[in-house]
C-alpha cells in the first residue's frame, strides 16, 4: 500500500506553539528548528503522518503518535515505537520506506507499507 500527501506550507504559519505540540513530537520540533525554513520541514513531517494514515486506511491513528526521525545521513524514517509496531501488526503490514520533499510553497511525502 502507498500513502501520499501534499500540503501547502503556509497552512502552518499561524499555528501556536500548543498547536505544533498537538501534532509534532519534541524531537520533530527540535529538528525543524535547526533550519531557517523550519515550516517546510514541519509540513513535510505532517505529510508523512497523513500518508501513513492513508497507507493503512486508519484515520483513528493520532498524528502525535507518528514520529519522523532522521538517520545520521539525514534520511527520514518513522520511529518504530511500540505503538507503531502494534498498529502495523494489527493491520498485518510492514513499513518499508518513506520519502519527503519540499519547496517554499509545498511539501509532499510518500509512505510505502506492504
PDB file of N, CA and C in Angstrom:
ATOM      1  N   UNK A   1       0.848  -1.176   0.000  1.00  0.00           N
ATOM      2  CA  UNK A   1       0.000   0.000   0.000  1.00  0.00           C
ATOM      3  C   UNK A   1       0.895   1.242   0.000  1.00  0.00           C
ATOM      4  N   UNK A   2       0.414   2.251  -0.671  1.00  0.00           N
ATOM      5  CA  UNK A   2       1.137   3.520  -0.757  1.00  0.00           C
ATOM      6  C   UNK A   2       0.235   4.619  -0.224  1.00  0.00           C
ATOM      7  N   UNK A   3       0.812   5.478   0.612  1.00  0.00           N
ATOM      8  CA  UNK A   3       0.117   6.680   1.057  1.00  0.00           C
ATOM      9  C   UNK A   3       0.893   7.887   0.569  1.00  0.00           C
ATOM     10  N   UNK A   4       0.189   8.887   0.063  1.00  0.00           N
ATOM     11  CA  UNK A   4       0.810  10.111  -0.441  1.00  0.00           C
ATOM     12  C   UNK A   4       0.043  11.298   0.118  1.00  0.00           C
ATOM     13  N   UNK A   5       0.766  12.352   0.468  1.00  0.00           N
ATOM     14  CA  UNK A   5       0.096  13.580   0.888  1.00  0.00           C
ATOM     15  C   UNK A   5       0.916  14.775   0.449  1.00  0.00           C
ATOM     16  N   UNK A   6       0.224  15.840   0.072  1.00  0.00           N
ATOM     17  CA  UNK A   6       0.844  17.112  -0.282  1.00  0.00           C
ATOM     18  C   UNK A   6       0.086  18.211   0.455  1.00  0.00           C
ATOM     19  N   UNK A   7       0.821  19.169   0.984  1.00  0.00           N
ATOM     20  CA  UNK A   7       0.208  20.259   1.748  1.00  0.00           C
ATOM     21  C   UNK A   7       0.897  21.573   1.405  1.00  0.00           C
ATOM     22  N   UNK A   8       0.140  22.650   1.534  1.00  0.00           N
ATOM     23  CA  UNK A   8       0.716  23.992   1.421  1.00  0.00           C
ATOM     24  C   UNK A   8       1.429  24.330   2.720  1.00  0.00           C
ATOM     25  N   UNK A   9       2.625  24.829   2.632  1.00  0.00           N
ATOM     26  CA  UNK A   9       3.413  25.152   3.820  1.00  0.00           C
ATOM     27  C   UNK A   9       2.807  26.307   4.599  1.00  0.00           C
ATOM     28  N   UNK A  10       2.207  27.262   3.905  1.00  0.00           N
ATOM     29  CA  UNK A  10       1.642  28.419   4.610  1.00  0.00           C
ATOM     30  C   UNK A  10       0.497  28.038   5.552  1.00  0.00           C
ATOM     31  N   UNK A  11      -0.009  26.828   5.406  1.00  0.00           N
ATOM     32  CA  UNK A  11      -1.043  26.326   6.324  1.00  0.00           C
ATOM     33  C   UNK A  11      -0.543  26.310   7.777  1.00  0.00           C
ATOM     34  N   UNK A  12       0.771  26.200   7.969  1.00  0.00           N
ATOM     35  CA  UNK A  12       1.351  26.067   9.297  1.00  0.00           C
ATOM     36  C   UNK A  12       1.876  27.386   9.865  1.00  0.00           C
ATOM     37  N   UNK A  13       1.752  28.478   9.123  1.00  0.00           N
ATOM     38  CA  UNK A  13       2.306  29.768   9.551  1.00  0.00           C
ATOM     39  C   UNK A  13       1.664  30.333  10.807  1.00  0.00           C
ATOM     40  N   UNK A  14       0.398  30.051  11.023  1.00  0.00           N
ATOM     41  CA  UNK A  14      -0.312  30.703  12.126  1.00  0.00           C
ATOM     42  C   UNK A  14      -0.582  29.766  13.296  1.00  0.00           C
ATOM     43  N   UNK A  15       0.057  28.608  13.289  1.00  0.00           N
ATOM     44  CA  UNK A  15      -0.103  27.699  14.416  1.00  0.00           C
ATOM     45  C   UNK A  15       0.564  28.294  15.651  1.00  0.00           C
ATOM     46  N   UNK A  16      -0.030  28.073  16.795  1.00  0.00           N
ATOM     47  CA  UNK A  16       0.613  28.439  18.062  1.00  0.00           C
ATOM     48  C   UNK A  16       1.570  27.308  18.445  1.00  0.00           C
ATOM     49  N   UNK A  17       2.395  27.557  19.443  1.00  0.00           N
ATOM     50  CA  UNK A  17       3.288  26.503  19.933  1.00  0.00           C
ATOM     51  C   UNK A  17       2.468  25.298  20.396  1.00  0.00           C
ATOM     52  N   UNK A  18       1.356  25.554  21.067  1.00  0.00           N
ATOM     53  CA  UNK A  18       0.485  24.460  21.514  1.00  0.00           C
ATOM     54  C   UNK A  18      -0.068  23.679  20.322  1.00  0.00           C
ATOM     55  N   UNK A  19      -0.360  24.382  19.240  1.00  0.00           N
ATOM     56  CA  UNK A  19      -0.840  23.718  18.030  1.00  0.00           C
ATOM     57  C   UNK A  19       0.213  22.787  17.456  1.00  0.00           C
ATOM     58  N   UNK A  20       1.461  23.256  17.420  1.00  0.00           N
ATOM     59  CA  UNK A  20       2.548  22.395  16.940  1.00  0.00           C
ATOM     60  C   UNK A  20       2.704  21.182  17.851  1.00  0.00           C
ATOM     61  N   UNK A  21       2.630  21.404  19.159  1.00  0.00           N
ATOM     62  CA  UNK A  21       2.842  20.322  20.117  1.00  0.00           C
ATOM     63  C   UNK A  21       1.725  19.285  20.089  1.00  0.00           C
ATOM     64  N   UNK A  22       0.557  19.619  19.562  1.00  0.00           N
ATOM     65  CA  UNK A  22      -0.519  18.635  19.421  1.00  0.00           C
ATOM     66  C   UNK A  22      -0.255  17.679  18.256  1.00  0.00           C
ATOM     67  N   UNK A  23       0.536  18.115  17.297  1.00  0.00           N
ATOM     68  CA  UNK A  23       0.791  17.314  16.093  1.00  0.00           C
ATOM     69  C   UNK A  23       2.181  16.691  16.084  1.00  0.00           C
ATOM     70  N   UNK A  24       3.175  17.459  16.537  1.00  0.00           N
ATOM     71  CA  UNK A  24       4.573  17.055  16.379  1.00  0.00           C
ATOM     72  C   UNK A  24       5.210  16.693  17.714  1.00  0.00           C
ATOM     73  N   UNK A  25       6.160  15.761  17.666  1.00  0.00           N
ATOM     74  CA  UNK A  25       6.913  15.390  18.859  1.00  0.00           C
ATOM     75  C   UNK A  25       7.951  16.474  19.162  1.00  0.00           C
ATOM     76  N   UNK A  26       8.479  16.428  20.356  1.00  0.00           N
ATOM     77  CA  UNK A  26       9.537  17.365  20.749  1.00  0.00           C
ATOM     78  C   UNK A  26      10.746  17.230  19.818  1.00  0.00           C
ATOM     79  N   UNK A  27      11.088  15.998  19.467  1.00  0.00           N
ATOM     80  CA  UNK A  27      12.230  15.766  18.573  1.00  0.00           C
ATOM     81  C   UNK A  27      11.987  16.355  17.188  1.00  0.00           C
ATOM     82  N   UNK A  28      10.765  16.227  16.686  1.00  0.00           N
ATOM     83  CA  UNK A  28      10.445  16.787  15.367  1.00  0.00           C
ATOM     84  C   UNK A  28      10.555  18.312  15.392  1.00  0.00           C
ATOM     85  N   UNK A  29      10.035  18.933  16.422  1.00  0.00           N
ATOM     86  CA  UNK A  29      10.096  20.391  16.546  1.00  0.00           C
ATOM     87  C   UNK A  29      11.541  20.853  16.680  1.00  0.00           C
ATOM     88  N   UNK A  30      12.333  20.145  17.489  1.00  0.00           N
ATOM     89  CA  UNK A  30      13.750  20.495  17.658  1.00  0.00           C
ATOM     90  C   UNK A  30      14.504  20.351  16.343  1.00  0.00           C
ATOM     91  N   UNK A  31      14.255  19.268  15.610  1.00  0.00           N
ATOM     92  CA  UNK A  31      14.928  19.062  14.332  1.00  0.00           C
ATOM     93  C   UNK A  31      14.605  20.200  13.368  1.00  0.00           C
ATOM     94  N   UNK A  32      13.329  20.512  13.214  1.00  0.00           N
ATOM     95  CA  UNK A  32      12.916  21.549  12.266  1.00  0.00           C
ATOM     96  C   UNK A  32      13.469  22.913  12.660  1.00  0.00           C
ATOM     97  N   UNK A  33      13.593  23.169  13.956  1.00  0.00           N
ATOM     98  CA  UNK A  33      14.041  24.489  14.414  1.00  0.00           C
ATOM     99  C   UNK A  33      15.502  24.772  14.052  1.00  0.00           C
ATOM    100  N   UNK A  34      16.228  23.767  13.630  1.00  0.00           N
ATOM    101  CA  UNK A  34      17.615  23.962  13.200  1.00  0.00           C
ATOM    102  C   UNK A  34      17.712  24.694  11.865  1.00  0.00           C
ATOM    103  N   UNK A  35      16.615  24.742  11.134  1.00  0.00           N
ATOM    104  CA  UNK A  35      16.616  25.251   9.775  1.00  0.00           C
ATOM    105  C   UNK A  35      15.864  26.568   9.664  1.00  0.00           C
ATOM    106  N   UNK A  36      16.354  27.438   8.798  1.00  0.00           N
ATOM    107  CA  UNK A  36      15.654  28.697   8.534  1.00  0.00           C
ATOM    108  C   UNK A  36      14.263  28.431   7.968  1.00  0.00           C
ATOM    109  N   UNK A  37      14.157  27.398   7.151  1.00  0.00           N
ATOM    110  CA  UNK A  37      12.874  27.029   6.536  1.00  0.00           C
ATOM    111  C   UNK A  37      12.176  25.950   7.370  1.00  0.00           C
ATOM    112  N   UNK A  38      12.083  26.176   8.674  1.00  0.00           N
ATOM    113  CA  UNK A  38      11.560  25.165   9.587  1.00  0.00           C
ATOM    114  C   UNK A  38      10.132  24.733   9.254  1.00  0.00           C
ATOM    115  N   UNK A  39       9.310  25.623   8.716  1.00  0.00           N
ATOM    116  CA  UNK A  39       7.932  25.240   8.385  1.00  0.00           C
ATOM    117  C   UNK A  39       7.889  24.228   7.242  1.00  0.00           C
ATOM    118  N   UNK A  40       8.848  24.301   6.323  1.00  0.00           N
ATOM    119  CA  UNK A  40       8.918  23.305   5.255  1.00  0.00           C
ATOM    120  C   UNK A  40       9.136  21.916   5.847  1.00  0.00           C
ATOM    121  N   UNK A  41       9.985  21.836   6.849  1.00  0.00           N
ATOM    122  CA  UNK A  41      10.274  20.552   7.486  1.00  0.00           C
ATOM    123  C   UNK A  41       9.066  20.055   8.275  1.00  0.00           C
ATOM    124  N   UNK A  42       8.450  20.931   9.054  1.00  0.00           N
ATOM    125  CA  UNK A  42       7.270  20.522   9.814  1.00  0.00           C
ATOM    126  C   UNK A  42       6.141  20.082   8.892  1.00  0.00           C
ATOM    127  N   UNK A  43       5.945  20.810   7.825  1.00  0.00           N
ATOM    128  CA  UNK A  43       4.909  20.445   6.858  1.00  0.00           C
ATOM    129  C   UNK A  43       5.228  19.074   6.245  1.00  0.00           C
ATOM    130  N   UNK A  44       6.492  18.823   5.963  1.00  0.00           N
ATOM    131  CA  UNK A  44       6.892  17.514   5.445  1.00  0.00           C
ATOM    132  C   UNK A  44       6.590  16.400   6.441  1.00  0.00           C
ATOM    133  N   UNK A  45       6.843  16.654   7.723  1.00  0.00           N
ATOM    134  CA  UNK A  45       6.535  15.658   8.757  1.00  0.00           C
ATOM    135  C   UNK A  45       5.031  15.409   8.808  1.00  0.00           C
ATOM    136  N   UNK A  46       4.249  16.482   8.693  1.00  0.00           N
ATOM    137  CA  UNK A  46       2.795  16.349   8.681  1.00  0.00           C
ATOM    138  C   UNK A  46       2.357  15.469   7.502  1.00  0.00           C
ATOM    139  N   UNK A  47       2.976  15.702   6.349  1.00  0.00           N
ATOM    140  CA  UNK A  47       2.637  14.906   5.161  1.00  0.00           C
ATOM    141  C   UNK A  47       2.942  13.427   5.383  1.00  0.00           C
ATOM    142  N   UNK A  48       4.050  13.127   6.056  1.00  0.00           N
ATOM    143  CA  UNK A  48       4.374  11.727   6.362  1.00  0.00           C
ATOM    144  C   UNK A  48       3.275  11.117   7.223  1.00  0.00           C
ATOM    145  N   UNK A  49       2.858  11.856   8.238  1.00  0.00           N
ATOM    146  CA  UNK A  49       1.829  11.354   9.149  1.00  0.00           C
ATOM    147  C   UNK A  49       0.530  11.072   8.388  1.00  0.00           C
ATOM    148  N   UNK A  50       0.130  12.010   7.550  1.00  0.00           N
ATOM    149  CA  UNK A  50      -1.095  11.845   6.757  1.00  0.00           C
ATOM    150  C   UNK A  50      -0.943  10.680   5.776  1.00  0.00           C
ATOM    151  N   UNK A  51       0.213  10.569   5.134  1.00  0.00           N
ATOM    152  CA  UNK A  51       0.443   9.488   4.173  1.00  0.00           C
ATOM    153  C   UNK A  51       0.461   8.126   4.872  1.00  0.00           C
ATOM    154  N   UNK A  52       0.987   8.061   6.081  1.00  0.00           N
ATOM    155  CA  UNK A  52       0.998   6.814   6.847  1.00  0.00           C
ATOM    156  C   UNK A  52      -0.431   6.372   7.162  1.00  0.00           C
ATOM    157  N   UNK A  53      -1.244   7.310   7.615  1.00  0.00           N
ATOM    158  CA  UNK A  53      -2.653   7.019   7.909  1.00  0.00           C
ATOM    159  C   UNK A  53      -3.369   6.548   6.640  1.00  0.00           C
ATOM    160  N   UNK A  54      -3.096   7.192   5.518  1.00  0.00           N
ATOM    161  CA  UNK A  54      -3.718   6.792   4.251  1.00  0.00           C
ATOM    162  C   UNK A  54      -3.258   5.403   3.822  1.00  0.00           C
ATOM    163  N   UNK A  55      -1.968   5.118   3.986  1.00  0.00           N
ATOM    164  CA  UNK A  55      -1.443   3.810   3.577  1.00  0.00           C
ATOM    165  C   UNK A  55      -2.093   2.683   4.371  1.00  0.00           C
ATOM    166  N   UNK A  56      -2.394   2.935   5.640  1.00  0.00           N
ATOM    167  CA  UNK A  56      -3.025   1.920   6.480  1.00  0.00           C
ATOM    168  C   UNK A  56      -4.540   1.992   6.449  1.00  0.00           C
ATOM    169  N   UNK A  57      -5.073   3.058   5.849  1.00  0.00           N
ATOM    170  CA  UNK A  57      -6.520   3.269   5.806  1.00  0.00           C
ATOM    171  C   UNK A  57      -7.114   3.219   7.216  1.00  0.00           C
ATOM    172  N   UNK A  58      -6.483   4.001   8.120  1.00  0.00           N
ATOM    173  CA  UNK A  58      -6.898   4.000   9.525  1.00  0.00           C
ATOM    174  C   UNK A  58      -6.796   5.421  10.072  1.00  0.00           C
ATOM    175  N   UNK A  59      -7.888   6.166   9.998  1.00  0.00           N
ATOM    176  CA  UNK A  59      -7.864   7.551  10.456  1.00  0.00           C
ATOM    177  C   UNK A  59      -8.008   7.686  11.964  1.00  0.00           C
ATOM    178  N   UNK A  60      -7.970   6.584  12.700  1.00  0.00           N
ATOM    179  CA  UNK A  60      -8.026   6.639  14.158  1.00  0.00           C
ATOM    180  C   UNK A  60      -6.636   6.832  14.770  1.00  0.00           C
ATOM    181  N   UNK A  61      -5.596   6.803  13.955  1.00  0.00           N
ATOM    182  CA  UNK A  61      -4.229   6.972  14.457  1.00  0.00           C
ATOM    183  C   UNK A  61      -3.973   8.460  14.676  1.00  0.00           C
ATOM    184  N   UNK A  62      -3.565   8.824  15.876  1.00  0.00           N
ATOM    185  CA  UNK A  62      -3.256  10.219  16.203  1.00  0.00           C
ATOM    186  C   UNK A  62      -1.908  10.602  15.596  1.00  0.00           C
ATOM    187  N   UNK A  63      -1.872  11.759  14.961  1.00  0.00           N
ATOM    188  CA  UNK A  63      -0.632  12.213  14.322  1.00  0.00           C
ATOM    189  C   UNK A  63       0.518  12.322  15.320  1.00  0.00           C
ATOM    190  N   UNK A  64       0.233  12.679  16.545  1.00  0.00           N
ATOM    191  CA  UNK A  64       1.280  12.817  17.576  1.00  0.00           C
ATOM    192  C   UNK A  64       1.984  11.476  17.814  1.00  0.00           C
ATOM    193  N   UNK A  65       1.287  10.357  17.546  1.00  0.00           N
ATOM    194  CA  UNK A  65       1.862   9.027  17.758  1.00  0.00           C
ATOM    195  C   UNK A  65       2.783   8.587  16.631  1.00  0.00           C
ATOM    196  N   UNK A  66       2.809   9.333  15.539  1.00  0.00           N
ATOM    197  CA  UNK A  66       3.683   9.036  14.400  1.00  0.00           C
ATOM    198  C   UNK A  66       4.831  10.036  14.464  1.00  0.00           C
ATOM    199  N   UNK A  67       6.042   9.535  14.658  1.00  0.00           N
ATOM    200  CA  UNK A  67       7.194  10.427  14.814  1.00  0.00           C
ATOM    201  C   UNK A  67       8.192  10.204  13.680  1.00  0.00           C
ATOM    202  N   UNK A  68       8.563  11.297  13.020  1.00  0.00           N
ATOM    203  CA  UNK A  68       9.547  11.257  11.941  1.00  0.00           C
ATOM    204  C   UNK A  68      10.913  11.613  12.519  1.00  0.00           C
ATOM    205  N   UNK A  69      11.857  10.704  12.363  1.00  0.00           N
ATOM    206  CA  UNK A  69      13.233  10.930  12.797  1.00  0.00           C
ATOM    207  C   UNK A  69      14.141  10.851  11.576  1.00  0.00           C
ATOM    208  N   UNK A  70      15.440  11.025  11.795  1.00  0.00           N
ATOM    209  CA  UNK A  70      16.398  11.016  10.674  1.00  0.00           C
ATOM    210  C   UNK A  70      17.626  10.196  11.043  1.00  0.00           C
ATOM    211  N   UNK A  71      18.163   9.492  10.049  1.00  0.00           N
ATOM    212  CA  UNK A  71      19.426   8.788  10.239  1.00  0.00           C
ATOM    213  C   UNK A  71      20.546   9.822  10.309  1.00  0.00           C
ATOM    214  N   UNK A  72      21.735   9.372  10.624  1.00  0.00           N
ATOM    215  CA  UNK A  72      22.886  10.286  10.665  1.00  0.00           C
ATOM    216  C   UNK A  72      23.115  10.959   9.320  1.00  0.00           C
ATOM    217  N   UNK A  73      22.784  10.272   8.234  1.00  0.00           N
ATOM    218  CA  UNK A  73      22.974  10.859   6.901  1.00  0.00           C
ATOM    219  C   UNK A  73      21.840  11.804   6.521  1.00  0.00           C
ATOM    220  N   UNK A  74      20.775  11.863   7.346  1.00  0.00           N
ATOM    221  CA  UNK A  74      19.672  12.781   7.084  1.00  0.00           C
ATOM    222  C   UNK A  74      18.436  12.147   6.480  1.00  0.00           C
ATOM    223  N   UNK A  75      18.473  10.835   6.208  1.00  0.00           N
ATOM    224  CA  UNK A  75      17.314  10.153   5.621  1.00  0.00           C
ATOM    225  C   UNK A  75      16.198  10.058   6.661  1.00  0.00           C
ATOM    226  N   UNK A  76      14.985  10.484   6.297  1.00  0.00           N
ATOM    227  CA  UNK A  76      13.880  10.404   7.254  1.00  0.00           C
ATOM    228  C   UNK A  76      13.337   8.976   7.375  1.00  0.00           C
ATOM    229  N   UNK A  77      12.811   8.684   8.550  1.00  0.00           N
ATOM    230  CA  UNK A  77      12.143   7.409   8.791  1.00  0.00           C
ATOM    231  C   UNK A  77      11.108   7.591   9.894  1.00  0.00           C
ATOM    232  N   UNK A  78      10.138   6.685   9.927  1.00  0.00           N
ATOM    233  CA  UNK A  78       9.143   6.706  11.001  1.00  0.00           C
ATOM    234  C   UNK A  78       9.698   5.897  12.159  1.00  0.00           C
ATOM    235  N   UNK A  79       9.686   6.501  13.338  1.00  0.00           N
ATOM    236  CA  UNK A  79      10.150   5.842  14.549  1.00  0.00           C
ATOM    237  C   UNK A  79       9.322   4.580  14.796  1.00  0.00           C
ATOM    238  N   UNK A  80       9.998   3.454  14.929  1.00  0.00           N
ATOM    239  CA  UNK A  80       9.322   2.172  15.142  1.00  0.00           C
ATOM    240  C   UNK A  80       9.039   1.978  16.631  1.00  0.00           C
ATOM    241  N   UNK A  81       8.266   2.883  17.189  1.00  0.00           N
ATOM    242  CA  UNK A  81       7.876   2.816  18.594  1.00  0.00           C
ATOM    243  C   UNK A  81       6.999   1.583  18.818  1.00  0.00           C
ATOM    244  N   UNK A  82       6.852   1.162  20.077  1.00  0.00           N
ATOM    245  CA  UNK A  82       5.951   0.036  20.344  1.00  0.00           C
ATOM    246  C   UNK A  82       4.533   0.290  19.806  1.00  0.00           C
ATOM    247  N   UNK A  83       4.053   1.525  19.873  1.00  0.00           N
ATOM    248  CA  UNK A  83       2.723   1.836  19.354  1.00  0.00           C
ATOM    249  C   UNK A  83       2.666   1.618  17.841  1.00  0.00           C
ATOM    250  N   UNK A  84       3.633   2.139  17.110  1.00  0.00           N
ATOM    251  CA  UNK A  84       3.652   1.976  15.651  1.00  0.00           C
ATOM    252  C   UNK A  84       3.779   0.502  15.290  1.00  0.00           C
ATOM    253  N   UNK A  85       4.624  -0.219  16.001  1.00  0.00           N
ATOM    254  CA  UNK A  85       4.753  -1.660  15.739  1.00  0.00           C
ATOM    255  C   UNK A  85       3.421  -2.375  15.961  1.00  0.00           C
ATOM    256  N   UNK A  86       2.685  -2.001  17.007  1.00  0.00           N
ATOM    257  CA  UNK A  86       1.394  -2.650  17.268  1.00  0.00           C
ATOM    258  C   UNK A  86       0.375  -2.312  16.179  1.00  0.00           C
ATOM    259  N   UNK A  87       0.398  -1.075  15.690  1.00  0.00           N
ATOM    260  CA  UNK A  87      -0.515  -0.682  14.602  1.00  0.00           C
ATOM    261  C   UNK A  87      -0.194  -1.477  13.338  1.00  0.00           C
ATOM    262  N   UNK A  88       1.086  -1.605  13.026  1.00  0.00           N
ATOM    263  CA  UNK A  88       1.480  -2.370  11.840  1.00  0.00           C
ATOM    264  C   UNK A  88       1.056  -3.829  11.969  1.00  0.00           C
ATOM    265  N   UNK A  89       1.254  -4.425  13.154  1.00  0.00           N
ATOM    266  CA  UNK A  89       0.826  -5.814  13.368  1.00  0.00           C
ATOM    267  C   UNK A  89      -0.685  -5.942  13.223  1.00  0.00           C
ATOM    268  N   UNK A  90      -1.416  -4.988  13.798  1.00  0.00           N
ATOM    269  CA  UNK A  90      -2.878  -5.010  13.722  1.00  0.00           C
ATOM    270  C   UNK A  90      -3.370  -5.003  12.276  1.00  0.00           C
ATOM    271  N   UNK A  91      -2.658  -4.272  11.425  1.00  0.00           N
ATOM    272  CA  UNK A  91      -3.040  -4.172  10.010  1.00  0.00           C
ATOM    273  C   UNK A  91      -2.325  -5.200   9.137  1.00  0.00           C
ATOM    274  N   UNK A  92      -1.511  -6.053   9.754  1.00  0.00           N
ATOM    275  CA  UNK A  92      -0.756  -7.075   9.024  1.00  0.00           C
ATOM    276  C   UNK A  92       0.110  -6.430   7.940  1.00  0.00           C
ATOM    277  N   UNK A  93       0.806  -5.389   8.323  1.00  0.00           N
ATOM    278  CA  UNK A  93       1.640  -4.629   7.389  1.00  0.00           C
ATOM    279  C   UNK A  93       3.061  -4.479   7.940  1.00  0.00           C
ATOM    280  N   UNK A  94       3.976  -4.180   7.029  1.00  0.00           N
ATOM    281  CA  UNK A  94       5.360  -3.862   7.358  1.00  0.00           C
ATOM    282  C   UNK A  94       5.677  -2.519   6.724  1.00  0.00           C
ATOM    283  N   UNK A  95       6.280  -1.643   7.486  1.00  0.00           N
ATOM    284  CA  UNK A  95       6.687  -0.336   6.968  1.00  0.00           C
ATOM    285  C   UNK A  95       7.948  -0.528   6.148  1.00  0.00           C
ATOM    286  N   UNK A  96       7.899  -0.127   4.890  1.00  0.00           N
ATOM    287  CA  UNK A  96       9.049  -0.299   4.013  1.00  0.00           C
ATOM    288  C   UNK A  96       9.905   0.955   3.914  1.00  0.00           C
ATOM    289  N   UNK A  97       9.281   2.088   3.608  1.00  0.00           N
ATOM    290  CA  UNK A  97      10.091   3.286   3.407  1.00  0.00           C
ATOM    291  C   UNK A  97       9.211   4.521   3.362  1.00  0.00           C
ATOM    292  N   UNK A  98       9.850   5.676   3.560  1.00  0.00           N
ATOM    293  CA  UNK A  98       9.172   6.956   3.387  1.00  0.00           C
ATOM    294  C   UNK A  98      10.080   7.888   2.596  1.00  0.00           C
ATOM    295  N   UNK A  99       9.476   8.889   2.004  1.00  0.00           N
ATOM    296  CA  UNK A  99      10.228   9.927   1.308  1.00  0.00           C
ATOM    297  C   UNK A  99       9.496  11.251   1.497  1.00  0.00           C
ATOM    298  N   UNK A 100      10.273  12.305   1.706  1.00  0.00           N
ATOM    299  CA  UNK A 100       9.729  13.658   1.890  1.00  0.00           C
ATOM    300  C   UNK A 100      10.439  14.590   0.920  1.00  0.00           C
ATOM    301  N   UNK A 101       9.673  15.535   0.360  1.00  0.00           N
ATOM    302  CA  UNK A 101      10.261  16.592  -0.446  1.00  0.00           C
ATOM    303  C   UNK A 101       9.504  17.877  -0.158  1.00  0.00           C
ATOM    304  N   UNK A 102      10.213  18.991  -0.256  1.00  0.00           N
ATOM    305  CA  UNK A 102       9.538  20.272  -0.018  1.00  0.00           C
ATOM    306  C   UNK A 102      10.248  21.393  -0.752  1.00  0.00           C
ATOM    307  N   UNK A 103       9.478  22.449  -0.994  1.00  0.00           N
ATOM    308  CA  UNK A 103       9.990  23.684  -1.569  1.00  0.00           C
ATOM    309  C   UNK A 103       9.351  24.824  -0.780  1.00  0.00           C
ATOM    310  N   UNK A 104       9.423  26.036  -1.257  1.00  0.00           N
ATOM    311  CA  UNK A 104       8.878  27.161  -0.496  1.00  0.00           C
ATOM    312  C   UNK A 104       7.370  27.104  -0.294  1.00  0.00           C
ATOM    313  N   UNK A 105       6.647  26.516  -1.218  1.00  0.00           N
ATOM    314  CA  UNK A 105       5.183  26.533  -1.141  1.00  0.00           C
ATOM    315  C   UNK A 105       4.538  25.226  -0.707  1.00  0.00           C
ATOM    316  N   UNK A 106       5.159  24.093  -1.039  1.00  0.00           N
ATOM    317  CA  UNK A 106       4.535  22.797  -0.791  1.00  0.00           C
ATOM    318  C   UNK A 106       5.514  21.814  -0.181  1.00  0.00           C
ATOM    319  N   UNK A 107       4.947  20.854   0.553  1.00  0.00           N
ATOM    320  CA  UNK A 107       5.687  19.682   0.992  1.00  0.00           C
ATOM    321  C   UNK A 107       4.870  18.473   0.575  1.00  0.00           C
ATOM    322  N   UNK A 108       5.576  17.381   0.286  1.00  0.00           N
ATOM    323  CA  UNK A 108       4.922  16.153  -0.131  1.00  0.00           C
ATOM    324  C   UNK A 108       5.657  14.984   0.528  1.00  0.00           C
ATOM    325  N   UNK A 109       4.921  13.916   0.812  1.00  0.00           N
ATOM    326  CA  UNK A 109       5.532  12.712   1.374  1.00  0.00           C
ATOM    327  C   UNK A 109       4.845  11.476   0.810  1.00  0.00           C
ATOM    328  N   UNK A 110       5.630  10.420   0.738  1.00  0.00           N
ATOM    329  CA  UNK A 110       5.154   9.113   0.303  1.00  0.00           C
ATOM    330  C   UNK A 110       5.540   8.110   1.386  1.00  0.00           C
ATOM    331  N   UNK A 111       4.600   7.240   1.751  1.00  0.00           N
ATOM    332  CA  UNK A 111       4.856   6.172   2.707  1.00  0.00           C
ATOM    333  C   UNK A 111       4.487   4.865   2.028  1.00  0.00           C
ATOM    334  N   UNK A 112       5.394   3.900   2.102  1.00  0.00           N
ATOM    335  CA  UNK A 112       5.177   2.604   1.475  1.00  0.00           C
ATOM    336  C   UNK A 112       5.149   1.524   2.554  1.00  0.00           C
ATOM    337  N   UNK A 113       4.039   0.787   2.602  1.00  0.00           N
ATOM    338  CA  UNK A 113       3.907  -0.369   3.512  1.00  0.00           C
ATOM    339  C   UNK A 113       3.493  -1.570   2.678  1.00  0.00           C
ATOM    340  N   UNK A 114       3.808  -2.777   3.198  1.00  0.00           N
ATOM    341  CA  UNK A 114       3.356  -3.993   2.489  1.00  0.00           C
ATOM    342  C   UNK A 114       2.713  -4.925   3.473  1.00  0.00           C
TER     343      UNK A 114
END
